[in-house]
N, C-alpha and C. Protein backbone atom coordinates (compact mmCIF):
# COMPACT_ATOMS: atom_id res chain seq x y z
N UNK A 1 0.82 -1.16 0.22
CA UNK A 1 0.30 -0.14 0.01
C UNK A 1 0.62 1.55 0.06
N UNK A 2 1.84 0.93 0.58
CA UNK A 2 2.82 2.20 0.66
C UNK A 2 2.92 3.15 -0.72
N UNK A 3 3.72 2.13 -1.66
CA UNK A 3 3.75 2.46 -2.74
C UNK A 3 2.94 3.11 -3.17
N UNK A 4 1.90 2.51 -3.40
CA UNK A 4 0.52 3.24 -4.21
C UNK A 4 0.46 4.66 -3.62
N UNK A 5 0.44 4.55 -2.31
CA UNK A 5 -0.16 5.73 -2.04
C UNK A 5 1.13 6.85 -2.10
N UNK A 6 2.37 6.61 -2.16
CA UNK A 6 3.38 7.58 -2.59
C UNK A 6 3.76 7.56 -3.88
N UNK A 7 3.15 7.05 -4.91
CA UNK A 7 3.28 7.27 -6.20
C UNK A 7 1.45 8.27 -6.47
N UNK A 8 0.77 7.95 -5.68
CA UNK A 8 -0.70 8.51 -6.15
C UNK A 8 -0.02 9.60 -5.35
N UNK A 9 0.61 10.15 -4.13
CA UNK A 9 0.86 11.69 -3.87
C UNK A 9 1.68 12.84 -4.40
N UNK A 10 2.35 11.68 -5.33
CA UNK A 10 3.43 12.21 -6.40
C UNK A 10 2.93 12.78 -7.33
N UNK A 11 1.67 12.03 -7.97
CA UNK A 11 1.09 12.32 -8.81
C UNK A 11 -0.21 13.46 -8.42
N UNK A 12 -0.65 13.79 -7.42
CA UNK A 12 -1.46 14.50 -7.04
C UNK A 12 -0.25 15.79 -6.84
N UNK A 13 0.35 15.84 -6.03
CA UNK A 13 1.07 17.14 -5.85
C UNK A 13 1.40 17.83 -7.03
N UNK A 14 2.07 17.00 -8.06
CA UNK A 14 2.78 17.44 -9.73
C UNK A 14 1.54 18.39 -10.37
N UNK A 15 -0.06 17.76 -10.69
CA UNK A 15 -0.94 18.22 -11.03
C UNK A 15 -1.27 19.52 -10.40
N UNK A 16 -1.68 19.75 -9.08
CA UNK A 16 -2.07 20.47 -7.83
C UNK A 16 -0.86 21.84 -7.96
N UNK A 17 0.52 21.55 -8.26
CA UNK A 17 1.89 22.30 -8.64
C UNK A 17 1.74 23.17 -9.64
N UNK A 18 1.52 22.16 -11.23
CA UNK A 18 1.16 23.12 -11.51
C UNK A 18 0.24 23.76 -12.27
N UNK A 19 -1.17 23.63 -11.72
CA UNK A 19 -2.08 24.22 -11.54
C UNK A 19 -2.19 25.68 -10.43
N UNK A 20 -1.35 25.61 -9.71
CA UNK A 20 -1.21 26.76 -8.90
C UNK A 20 0.42 27.24 -8.81
N UNK A 21 1.41 27.06 -9.06
CA UNK A 21 2.47 27.86 -9.49
C UNK A 21 2.45 29.17 -9.82
N UNK A 22 3.28 30.13 -9.00
CA UNK A 22 3.05 31.78 -9.43
C UNK A 22 3.85 32.08 -10.42
N UNK A 23 3.46 32.73 -11.23
CA UNK A 23 4.18 33.31 -12.72
C UNK A 23 5.57 33.62 -12.50
N UNK A 24 5.88 33.81 -11.60
CA UNK A 24 7.32 33.59 -11.59
C UNK A 24 8.49 32.57 -11.22
N UNK A 25 7.91 31.52 -10.87
CA UNK A 25 8.08 30.80 -10.18
C UNK A 25 8.34 29.57 -11.34
N UNK A 26 9.37 29.28 -11.95
CA UNK A 26 9.61 27.92 -12.96
C UNK A 26 8.96 26.77 -12.91
N UNK A 27 9.02 25.95 -13.77
CA UNK A 27 8.53 24.31 -13.96
C UNK A 27 8.87 23.88 -12.57
N UNK A 28 8.05 23.26 -11.76
CA UNK A 28 8.19 22.41 -10.90
C UNK A 28 7.91 21.42 -10.44
N UNK A 29 8.64 20.35 -10.58
CA UNK A 29 8.36 18.37 -10.93
C UNK A 29 8.80 17.79 -9.91
N UNK A 30 8.12 17.17 -8.77
CA UNK A 30 8.06 16.21 -7.61
C UNK A 30 8.84 14.49 -8.54
N UNK A 31 9.87 14.61 -8.47
CA UNK A 31 10.76 13.59 -8.94
C UNK A 31 10.55 12.32 -8.08
N UNK A 32 10.68 12.55 -6.99
CA UNK A 32 10.66 11.10 -6.24
C UNK A 32 9.45 11.78 -4.69
N UNK A 33 9.43 10.68 -3.93
CA UNK A 33 8.16 10.65 -2.52
C UNK A 33 8.05 10.22 -1.86
N UNK A 34 8.48 9.61 -0.67
CA UNK A 34 8.84 8.71 0.38
C UNK A 34 8.53 9.43 1.80
N UNK A 35 7.25 8.82 2.21
CA UNK A 35 6.71 9.36 3.53
C UNK A 35 7.55 8.84 4.87
N UNK A 36 8.17 7.47 3.97
CA UNK A 36 9.26 7.39 5.57
C UNK A 36 8.41 5.74 6.04
N UNK A 37 9.43 5.73 7.17
CA UNK A 37 8.88 4.24 7.60
C UNK A 37 8.09 4.71 9.56
N UNK A 38 8.34 5.75 9.56
CA UNK A 38 7.42 5.92 11.10
C UNK A 38 6.33 6.10 11.03
N UNK A 39 5.18 5.29 11.90
CA UNK A 39 3.85 5.68 11.70
C UNK A 39 3.48 7.14 12.40
N UNK A 40 2.75 8.16 12.06
CA UNK A 40 1.96 8.99 12.66
C UNK A 40 1.79 8.95 13.83
N UNK A 41 1.89 9.92 15.25
CA UNK A 41 1.20 9.70 16.21
C UNK A 41 -0.41 10.10 15.92
N UNK A 42 -0.94 9.69 16.29
CA UNK A 42 -2.53 9.50 16.20
C UNK A 42 -2.94 10.30 17.49
N UNK A 43 -3.89 11.04 17.46
CA UNK A 43 -4.85 11.86 18.38
C UNK A 43 -5.78 11.22 18.77
N UNK A 44 -6.84 10.97 17.82
CA UNK A 44 -8.00 10.59 17.60
C UNK A 44 -8.28 9.76 16.34
N UNK A 45 -8.91 9.38 15.88
CA UNK A 45 -9.53 8.21 15.37
C UNK A 45 -10.85 8.02 14.92
N UNK A 46 -11.56 8.39 13.76
CA UNK A 46 -12.99 7.81 13.73
C UNK A 46 -13.01 7.21 12.60
N UNK A 47 -13.44 5.94 12.26
CA UNK A 47 -13.90 5.29 11.17
C UNK A 47 -14.84 4.60 10.62
N UNK A 48 -15.71 5.10 9.71
CA UNK A 48 -17.17 4.71 9.22
C UNK A 48 -16.91 4.08 7.83
N UNK A 49 -18.21 3.12 8.17
CA UNK A 49 -18.63 2.95 6.51
C UNK A 49 -19.71 3.48 5.58
N UNK A 50 -20.16 2.94 5.24
CA UNK A 50 -21.25 3.96 3.69
C UNK A 50 -21.92 4.31 4.64
N UNK A 51 -22.52 3.71 5.41
CA UNK A 51 -24.09 3.62 6.17
C UNK A 51 -23.55 5.08 7.41
N UNK A 52 -22.50 4.69 7.86
CA UNK A 52 -22.55 5.46 9.20
C UNK A 52 -21.94 6.84 8.43
N UNK A 53 -21.39 7.18 7.54
CA UNK A 53 -20.96 8.62 6.89
C UNK A 53 -22.81 8.93 6.43
N UNK A 54 -23.15 8.52 5.95
CA UNK A 54 -24.83 9.23 5.85
C UNK A 54 -25.61 9.63 7.19
N UNK A 55 -25.39 8.67 7.71
CA UNK A 55 -25.96 8.52 9.57
C UNK A 55 -25.28 9.84 10.23
N UNK A 56 -23.99 10.09 10.07
CA UNK A 56 -22.87 10.61 10.77
C UNK A 56 -23.30 12.27 10.11
N UNK A 57 -23.51 12.25 9.07
CA UNK A 57 -24.16 13.70 8.20
C UNK A 57 -25.12 14.62 8.47
N UNK A 58 -25.90 13.06 8.65
CA UNK A 58 -27.83 13.95 9.20
C UNK A 58 -27.54 14.40 10.39
N UNK A 59 -27.07 14.22 11.15
CA UNK A 59 -26.38 15.24 12.88
C UNK A 59 -25.51 16.06 12.74
N UNK A 60 -24.26 16.33 11.88
CA UNK A 60 -23.25 17.31 11.84
C UNK A 60 -23.30 17.79 10.40
N UNK A 61 -23.87 17.62 9.26
CA UNK A 61 -23.03 17.49 7.98
C UNK A 61 -22.17 16.60 7.56
N UNK A 62 -21.95 17.05 6.00
CA UNK A 62 -20.52 16.14 5.68
C UNK A 62 -19.17 17.11 4.83
N UNK A 63 -17.83 16.68 5.08
CA UNK A 63 -17.43 17.57 5.10
C UNK A 63 -17.25 16.81 3.36
N UNK A 64 -16.05 17.56 3.17
CA UNK A 64 -15.67 17.79 1.53
C UNK A 64 -15.23 16.41 1.04
N UNK A 65 -14.75 15.22 1.73
CA UNK A 65 -14.33 14.09 1.39
C UNK A 65 -15.81 13.18 1.41
N UNK A 66 -16.60 13.31 3.01
CA UNK A 66 -17.44 12.72 3.24
C UNK A 66 -18.43 12.65 1.90
N UNK A 67 -18.77 14.02 1.41
CA UNK A 67 -19.44 14.24 0.35
C UNK A 67 -19.08 13.64 -1.37
N UNK A 68 -17.31 13.29 -1.39
CA UNK A 68 -17.42 13.07 -2.27
C UNK A 68 -17.75 11.41 -2.28
N UNK A 69 -17.34 11.04 -1.28
CA UNK A 69 -17.42 9.34 -1.55
C UNK A 69 -19.45 9.16 -2.05
N UNK A 70 -20.35 10.48 -1.47
CA UNK A 70 -21.75 9.74 -1.59
C UNK A 70 -22.16 10.58 -3.32
N UNK A 71 -21.05 11.16 -3.41
CA UNK A 71 -21.35 11.41 -5.12
C UNK A 71 -20.75 10.19 -6.01
N UNK A 72 -19.95 9.56 -5.32
CA UNK A 72 -19.00 8.10 -6.10
C UNK A 72 -20.18 7.05 -5.98
N UNK A 73 -20.71 7.19 -4.91
CA UNK A 73 -21.85 6.37 -4.74
C UNK A 73 -22.81 6.60 -5.41
N UNK A 74 -23.55 7.48 -5.94
CA UNK A 74 -25.01 7.90 -6.83
C UNK A 74 -24.27 7.36 -8.23
N UNK A 75 -23.17 7.75 -8.58
CA UNK A 75 -22.56 7.27 -9.52
C UNK A 75 -22.34 6.21 -10.06
N UNK A 76 -22.44 5.10 -9.31
CA UNK A 76 -22.31 3.71 -9.52
C UNK A 76 -21.48 2.73 -8.79
N UNK A 77 -20.46 3.48 -7.41
CA UNK A 77 -19.57 3.11 -7.12
C UNK A 77 -20.30 1.62 -6.13
N UNK A 78 -19.76 0.87 -5.84
CA UNK A 78 -20.82 0.03 -4.29
C UNK A 78 -20.44 0.67 -2.96
N UNK A 79 -21.41 0.68 -2.36
CA UNK A 79 -21.11 1.26 -1.09
C UNK A 79 -20.49 0.40 -0.23
N UNK A 80 -20.33 -1.30 -0.49
CA UNK A 80 -19.19 -1.83 0.94
C UNK A 80 -17.99 -1.63 0.27
N UNK A 81 -17.41 -0.87 -0.79
CA UNK A 81 -16.16 -0.28 -1.66
C UNK A 81 -15.28 0.42 -0.57
N UNK A 82 -16.32 1.25 0.16
CA UNK A 82 -16.43 2.65 0.45
C UNK A 82 -15.82 2.61 2.18
N UNK A 83 -14.77 3.23 2.67
CA UNK A 83 -14.56 3.25 4.23
C UNK A 83 -13.76 4.82 4.49
N UNK A 84 -14.03 5.35 5.64
CA UNK A 84 -13.94 6.88 5.54
C UNK A 84 -12.60 6.81 7.20
N UNK A 85 -11.88 7.91 6.81
CA UNK A 85 -11.53 7.87 8.08
C UNK A 85 -10.92 9.08 8.29
N UNK A 86 -10.78 9.40 9.63
CA UNK A 86 -11.21 10.74 10.60
C UNK A 86 -10.12 10.99 11.33
N UNK A 87 -9.09 11.69 11.31
CA UNK A 87 -8.01 11.53 12.57
C UNK A 87 -7.07 12.69 12.67
N UNK A 88 -6.90 12.89 14.48
CA UNK A 88 -5.91 14.17 14.77
C UNK A 88 -4.50 13.18 14.32
N UNK A 89 -3.35 14.34 13.48
CA UNK A 89 -2.39 13.37 13.77
C UNK A 89 -1.07 14.13 13.93
N UNK A 90 0.14 14.07 14.08
CA UNK A 90 1.61 14.51 14.20
C UNK A 90 2.24 13.59 13.55
N UNK A 91 2.85 14.00 12.52
CA UNK A 91 3.72 13.31 12.02
C UNK A 91 4.94 13.63 11.36
N UNK A 92 5.63 13.11 12.10
CA UNK A 92 7.28 13.54 12.32
C UNK A 92 8.54 12.91 11.48
N UNK A 93 8.89 12.74 10.39
CA UNK A 93 9.43 11.58 9.68
C UNK A 93 11.07 12.24 9.22
N UNK A 94 12.03 11.91 9.64
CA UNK A 94 13.35 12.06 9.47
C UNK A 94 14.09 11.02 8.67
N UNK A 95 13.19 10.31 7.78
CA UNK A 95 13.88 9.09 6.79
C UNK A 95 12.44 9.71 5.04
N UNK A 96 11.62 10.49 6.01
CA UNK A 96 10.43 11.01 5.01
C UNK A 96 11.41 12.09 3.20
N UNK A 97 10.68 12.07 2.25
CA UNK A 97 12.14 12.84 1.58
C UNK A 97 11.15 12.60 0.23
N UNK A 98 11.61 13.96 0.08
CA UNK A 98 10.96 14.70 -1.70
C UNK A 98 12.13 15.13 -2.53
N UNK A 99 12.52 14.69 -3.54
CA UNK A 99 12.81 15.29 -4.33
C UNK A 99 12.40 15.92 -5.57
N UNK A 100 12.72 17.25 -5.73
CA UNK A 100 11.65 17.99 -6.56
C UNK A 100 13.08 18.76 -7.71
N UNK A 101 12.27 18.80 -9.11
CA UNK A 101 13.59 20.05 -9.57
C UNK A 101 12.88 21.02 -10.38
N UNK A 102 13.87 22.17 -10.23
CA UNK A 102 13.00 23.37 -10.73
C UNK A 102 13.41 23.05 -12.51
N UNK A 103 12.84 23.97 -13.09
CA UNK A 103 13.32 23.78 -14.51
C UNK A 103 12.85 24.77 -15.37
N UNK A 104 13.67 25.37 -16.55
CA UNK A 104 13.53 26.95 -16.83
C UNK A 104 12.31 27.50 -17.41
N UNK A 105 11.47 28.06 -16.83
CA UNK A 105 10.46 28.50 -17.69
C UNK A 105 10.15 29.06 -19.15
N UNK A 106 8.76 28.80 -19.49
CA UNK A 106 8.93 28.37 -20.89
C UNK A 106 8.96 30.01 -21.21
N UNK A 107 8.26 31.14 -20.12
CA UNK A 107 7.68 32.49 -20.59
C UNK A 107 8.27 32.86 -18.91
N UNK A 108 9.27 34.06 -18.46
CA UNK A 108 8.85 34.64 -17.54
C UNK A 108 9.38 36.46 -17.59
N UNK A 109 9.31 36.93 -16.48
CA UNK A 109 9.66 38.47 -16.50
C UNK A 109 11.51 38.23 -16.50
N UNK A 110 11.60 39.36 -16.40
CA UNK A 110 13.68 39.79 -16.94
C UNK A 110 14.21 39.02 -15.62
N UNK A 111 13.68 39.70 -14.70
CA UNK A 111 14.17 39.43 -13.35
C UNK A 111 14.19 37.77 -13.26
N UNK A 112 13.51 37.13 -13.24
CA UNK A 112 12.73 35.61 -13.08
C UNK A 112 14.02 34.79 -14.75
N UNK A 113 14.38 35.48 -15.63
CA UNK A 113 15.51 35.17 -16.58
C UNK A 113 17.05 35.18 -15.79
N UNK A 114 17.00 36.28 -15.30
CA UNK A 114 18.49 36.42 -14.79
C UNK A 114 18.70 35.44 -13.72
N UNK A 115 17.73 34.82 -12.45
CA UNK A 115 17.65 34.33 -11.64
C UNK A 115 17.92 32.62 -12.49
N UNK A 116 17.10 32.46 -13.05
CA UNK A 116 17.43 31.06 -13.85
C UNK A 116 18.42 30.77 -14.73
N UNK A 117 19.11 32.16 -15.27
CA UNK A 117 20.52 31.68 -15.64
C UNK A 117 21.32 30.66 -14.80
N UNK A 118 20.93 31.31 -13.30
CA UNK A 118 22.00 30.64 -12.94
C UNK A 118 21.90 29.64 -12.17
N UNK A 119 20.36 29.42 -12.04
CA UNK A 119 19.78 28.00 -11.30
C UNK A 119 19.14 27.04 -12.87
N UNK A 120 19.77 26.46 -13.39
CA UNK A 120 19.74 25.79 -14.60
C UNK A 120 18.94 24.06 -13.86
N UNK A 121 17.52 24.19 -14.12
CA UNK A 121 17.40 22.69 -13.66
C UNK A 121 17.94 22.87 -12.08
N UNK A 122 17.80 23.10 -11.09
CA UNK A 122 18.33 22.61 -9.72
C UNK A 122 17.55 21.87 -9.06
N UNK A 123 18.24 20.99 -8.63
CA UNK A 123 17.38 20.08 -8.03
C UNK A 123 16.89 20.01 -6.45
N UNK A 124 16.32 20.18 -5.94
CA UNK A 124 16.50 20.22 -4.26
C UNK A 124 15.40 18.63 -3.45
N UNK A 125 16.38 19.16 -2.19
CA UNK A 125 15.49 17.89 -1.48
C UNK A 125 15.30 18.23 0.38
N UNK A 126 13.82 17.62 0.23
CA UNK A 126 12.70 18.18 1.38
C UNK A 126 12.53 16.76 1.81
N UNK A 127 12.93 17.01 2.99
CA UNK A 127 13.41 15.99 4.24
C UNK A 127 13.17 16.71 5.50
N UNK A 128 12.76 15.35 6.41
CA UNK A 128 12.10 15.65 7.81
C UNK A 128 11.13 16.23 7.29
N UNK A 129 9.84 15.87 6.64
CA UNK A 129 8.86 16.36 6.99
C UNK A 129 8.13 16.46 8.29
N UNK A 130 7.41 17.73 8.67
CA UNK A 130 6.21 17.39 9.71
C UNK A 130 5.20 18.21 9.93
N UNK A 131 4.22 17.35 10.14
CA UNK A 131 3.00 18.21 10.01
C UNK A 131 1.72 17.79 11.17
N UNK A 132 0.99 19.00 11.37
CA UNK A 132 0.55 18.77 12.53
C UNK A 132 -1.11 19.25 12.08
N UNK A 133 -1.96 18.35 12.19
CA UNK A 133 -3.46 18.86 11.58
C UNK A 133 -3.98 17.74 11.79
N UNK A 134 -5.64 17.82 11.18
CA UNK A 134 -6.84 16.80 11.30
C UNK A 134 -6.90 16.41 9.61
N UNK A 135 -6.84 14.64 9.58
CA UNK A 135 -7.33 14.90 7.92
C UNK A 135 -8.69 14.01 8.12
N UNK A 136 -8.89 14.15 6.53
CA UNK A 136 -9.96 12.70 6.41
C UNK A 136 -9.45 12.38 5.22
N UNK A 137 -9.67 10.96 5.29
CA UNK A 137 -9.33 10.23 4.03
C UNK A 137 -10.62 8.74 3.62
N UNK A 138 -11.16 9.26 2.83
CA UNK A 138 -12.15 8.24 1.79
C UNK A 138 -10.98 6.86 0.88
N UNK A 139 -11.21 5.39 1.34
CA UNK A 139 -10.68 4.73 0.30
C UNK A 139 -12.38 3.86 -0.43
N UNK A 140 -11.75 3.99 -1.81
CA UNK A 140 -12.65 2.70 -2.58
C UNK A 140 -11.59 1.66 -2.51
N UNK A 141 -11.79 0.65 -1.99
CA UNK A 141 -10.97 -0.60 -2.41
C UNK A 141 -11.53 -1.67 -3.32
N UNK A 142 -10.66 -2.29 -4.07
CA UNK A 142 -11.23 -3.08 -5.02
C UNK A 142 -10.34 -4.90 -4.45
N UNK A 143 -10.51 -6.21 -4.51
CA UNK A 143 -10.07 -7.01 -4.37
C UNK A 143 -8.98 -7.67 -4.91
N UNK A 144 -8.58 -6.86 -6.42
CA UNK A 144 -6.93 -7.06 -6.61
C UNK A 144 -6.31 -6.19 -6.33
N UNK A 145 -5.02 -6.65 -6.78
CA UNK A 145 -4.34 -5.90 -6.15
C UNK A 145 -3.61 -4.35 -7.19
N UNK A 146 -3.62 -3.79 -6.93
CA UNK A 146 -3.02 -2.90 -5.44
C UNK A 146 -4.17 -2.07 -4.79
N UNK A 147 -5.81 -3.22 -4.67
CA UNK A 147 -6.47 -3.23 -3.70
C UNK A 147 -7.41 -1.75 -3.64
N UNK A 148 -6.47 -0.73 -3.99
CA UNK A 148 -6.87 1.44 -3.93
C UNK A 148 -7.17 1.72 -5.30
N UNK A 149 -8.74 1.56 -5.58
CA UNK A 149 -9.24 2.11 -6.53
C UNK A 149 -9.27 3.84 -6.54
N UNK A 150 -9.36 4.19 -5.60
CA UNK A 150 -9.69 5.53 -5.67
C UNK A 150 -8.90 6.16 -3.80
N UNK A 151 -8.50 7.36 -4.10
CA UNK A 151 -8.57 7.54 -2.67
C UNK A 151 -8.79 9.13 -2.23
N UNK A 152 -9.83 9.80 -1.56
CA UNK A 152 -9.77 11.04 -1.15
C UNK A 152 -9.40 11.43 0.01
N UNK A 153 -8.73 12.78 -0.08
CA UNK A 153 -8.26 13.10 0.63
C UNK A 153 -8.08 14.53 1.50
N UNK A 154 -8.12 15.34 2.10
CA UNK A 154 -8.76 16.39 2.73
C UNK A 154 -8.13 16.79 4.34
N UNK A 155 -7.81 17.98 4.54
CA UNK A 155 -7.63 18.57 5.69
C UNK A 155 -8.48 19.19 6.12
N UNK A 156 -9.11 19.14 7.67
CA UNK A 156 -10.23 19.55 8.29
C UNK A 156 -10.15 20.86 9.40
N UNK A 157 -10.27 21.62 9.10
CA UNK A 157 -10.41 22.77 9.90
C UNK A 157 -9.03 23.39 9.50
N UNK A 158 -8.92 23.71 8.16
CA UNK A 158 -7.72 24.58 7.37
C UNK A 158 -6.55 23.69 7.19
N UNK A 159 -5.84 24.37 7.05
CA UNK A 159 -4.52 23.96 7.11
C UNK A 159 -3.63 23.23 7.71
N UNK A 160 -3.23 22.60 7.36
CA UNK A 160 -2.20 21.82 8.87
C UNK A 160 -0.47 22.81 9.01
N UNK A 161 -0.01 22.61 9.98
CA UNK A 161 1.53 23.41 10.04
C UNK A 161 2.17 22.14 9.98
N UNK A 162 3.06 22.80 8.97
CA UNK A 162 4.08 21.73 8.07
C UNK A 162 5.28 22.82 8.20
N UNK A 163 6.81 21.71 8.49
CA UNK A 163 7.71 21.91 8.71
C UNK A 163 8.40 21.57 8.30
N UNK A 164 9.49 21.45 7.42
CA UNK A 164 10.48 20.91 7.13
C UNK A 164 11.55 21.31 6.59
N UNK A 165 13.44 20.44 6.25
CA UNK A 165 14.05 20.59 6.37
C UNK A 165 14.34 20.62 4.51
N UNK A 166 15.34 22.01 3.84
CA UNK A 166 15.77 22.15 2.94
C UNK A 166 17.19 22.29 2.12
N UNK A 167 17.54 21.44 0.77
CA UNK A 167 18.54 21.84 0.44
C UNK A 167 18.96 21.39 -0.99
N UNK A 168 19.52 21.86 -1.50
CA UNK A 168 19.90 21.94 -2.60
C UNK A 168 20.91 20.86 -2.99
N UNK A 169 20.46 19.70 -3.97
CA UNK A 169 21.03 18.77 -4.56
C UNK A 169 21.93 18.81 -6.01
N UNK A 170 21.55 19.83 -6.56
CA UNK A 170 22.64 20.96 -7.50
C UNK A 170 21.84 21.78 -7.82
N UNK A 171 23.43 22.62 -8.80
CA UNK A 171 23.27 24.01 -8.81
C UNK A 171 23.43 24.89 -7.27
N UNK A 172 23.46 26.21 -7.36
CA UNK A 172 23.43 26.56 -5.94
C UNK A 172 22.66 26.31 -5.43
N UNK A 173 22.62 27.03 -3.74
CA UNK A 173 22.38 26.53 -2.51
C UNK A 173 20.95 27.40 -2.02
N UNK A 174 19.93 27.16 -2.91
CA UNK A 174 19.04 27.83 -2.51
C UNK A 174 18.37 28.30 -1.28
N UNK A 175 18.95 27.85 -0.19
CA UNK A 175 18.76 27.88 1.36
C UNK A 175 19.32 29.44 1.26
N UNK A 176 20.25 29.98 0.71
CA UNK A 176 20.65 30.97 0.44
C UNK A 176 20.06 32.20 0.22
N UNK A 177 19.09 31.88 -0.91
CA UNK A 177 18.21 32.85 -1.33
C UNK A 177 16.96 33.04 -0.61
N UNK A 178 16.45 33.72 -0.12
CA UNK A 178 15.37 34.23 0.91
C UNK A 178 14.27 34.39 0.15
N UNK A 179 14.40 34.70 -1.26
CA UNK A 179 13.45 34.98 -2.34
C UNK A 179 13.15 33.50 -2.62
N UNK A 180 13.76 32.71 -3.08
CA UNK A 180 13.09 31.36 -3.56
C UNK A 180 12.62 30.78 -2.45
N UNK A 181 12.98 30.66 -0.96
CA UNK A 181 12.29 30.22 -0.31
C UNK A 181 11.22 30.93 -0.17
N UNK A 182 10.78 32.06 0.42
CA UNK A 182 9.42 32.41 0.07
C UNK A 182 8.65 32.25 -0.92
N UNK A 183 9.04 32.37 -2.20
CA UNK A 183 8.32 31.88 -3.39
C UNK A 183 7.76 30.03 -3.23
N UNK A 184 8.92 29.36 -2.55
CA UNK A 184 8.99 28.03 -2.75
C UNK A 184 7.26 27.52 -1.65
N UNK A 185 7.23 28.73 -1.08
CA UNK A 185 6.84 28.25 0.94
C UNK A 185 5.23 29.06 0.36
N UNK A 186 5.23 29.64 -0.71
CA UNK A 186 3.96 30.36 -0.92
C UNK A 186 3.64 29.55 -2.18
N UNK A 187 4.18 28.60 -2.74
CA UNK A 187 3.78 27.44 -3.59
C UNK A 187 3.08 26.42 -2.79
N UNK A 188 3.67 25.76 -1.69
CA UNK A 188 3.50 24.84 -1.09
C UNK A 188 1.92 24.95 -0.63
N UNK A 189 2.16 26.10 -0.27
CA UNK A 189 0.76 27.06 0.21
C UNK A 189 -1.01 26.75 -0.15
N UNK A 190 -0.05 26.94 -1.38
CA UNK A 190 -1.18 26.87 -2.73
C UNK A 190 -1.58 25.88 -2.93
N UNK A 191 -0.73 24.83 -3.13
CA UNK A 191 -1.25 23.32 -3.33
C UNK A 191 -2.27 22.56 -2.71
N UNK A 192 -1.35 22.93 -0.93
CA UNK A 192 -2.31 22.55 0.27
C UNK A 192 -3.50 23.03 0.17
N UNK A 193 -3.77 23.62 -0.24
CA UNK A 193 -5.09 25.03 0.00
C UNK A 193 -6.32 23.93 -0.55
N UNK A 194 -6.13 23.13 -1.92
CA UNK A 194 -7.30 22.78 -2.82
C UNK A 194 -7.63 21.61 -1.34
N UNK A 195 -6.56 20.76 -0.77
CA UNK A 195 -7.17 20.14 -0.07
C UNK A 195 -7.35 20.12 1.47
N UNK A 196 -8.10 21.49 1.82
CA UNK A 196 -8.44 21.98 2.85
C UNK A 196 -9.60 22.16 2.85
N UNK A 197 -10.05 22.04 4.19
CA UNK A 197 -12.01 22.07 3.94
C UNK A 197 -12.31 22.47 5.53
N UNK A 198 -12.53 23.53 6.01
CA UNK A 198 -13.27 24.22 4.95
C UNK A 198 -11.76 25.02 4.51
N UNK A 199 -11.99 25.35 3.10
CA UNK A 199 -11.04 26.81 2.22
C UNK A 199 -11.27 27.70 2.91
């Protein structure tokens, strides 16, 4: 399940990054993503099947993930394939790893063209990822490998608190450029925002 989840998250992040990059930042692609082997610390956990999702929603309303599962069932997904998990967690993994690459922009202003001339295809490493927040996850399970048909994810009560370590693998040391660090932080916030409920 872990390799499947890592691959799904990598593809989802790349898709969201492509849509939310600020115009001044060049292309940004996650090449490798590994969550690490350390499990998160669970503060509380709620597990529901589809019938319980409906019952819970009548009392408190549905969040974005629960609404998505209801829509999936209305469109033909079997109720027995749906499982919902809600949890408050803290995650800190020293062996978590994201390898990403900046590419030269197709278009850009003169300031970024100057920066990109000294930062051609810079690779960065994001490690020791830490976050704290409430997460809701729904899974559509199938009997065949890799067993996961669909995955819905949303952070509840707004975005989680996130920290990480950042270093350059190729090119210049981007940690010495506060400007790029600020742009990267803004990009991460934009990527996370569509996964937050409420937004």
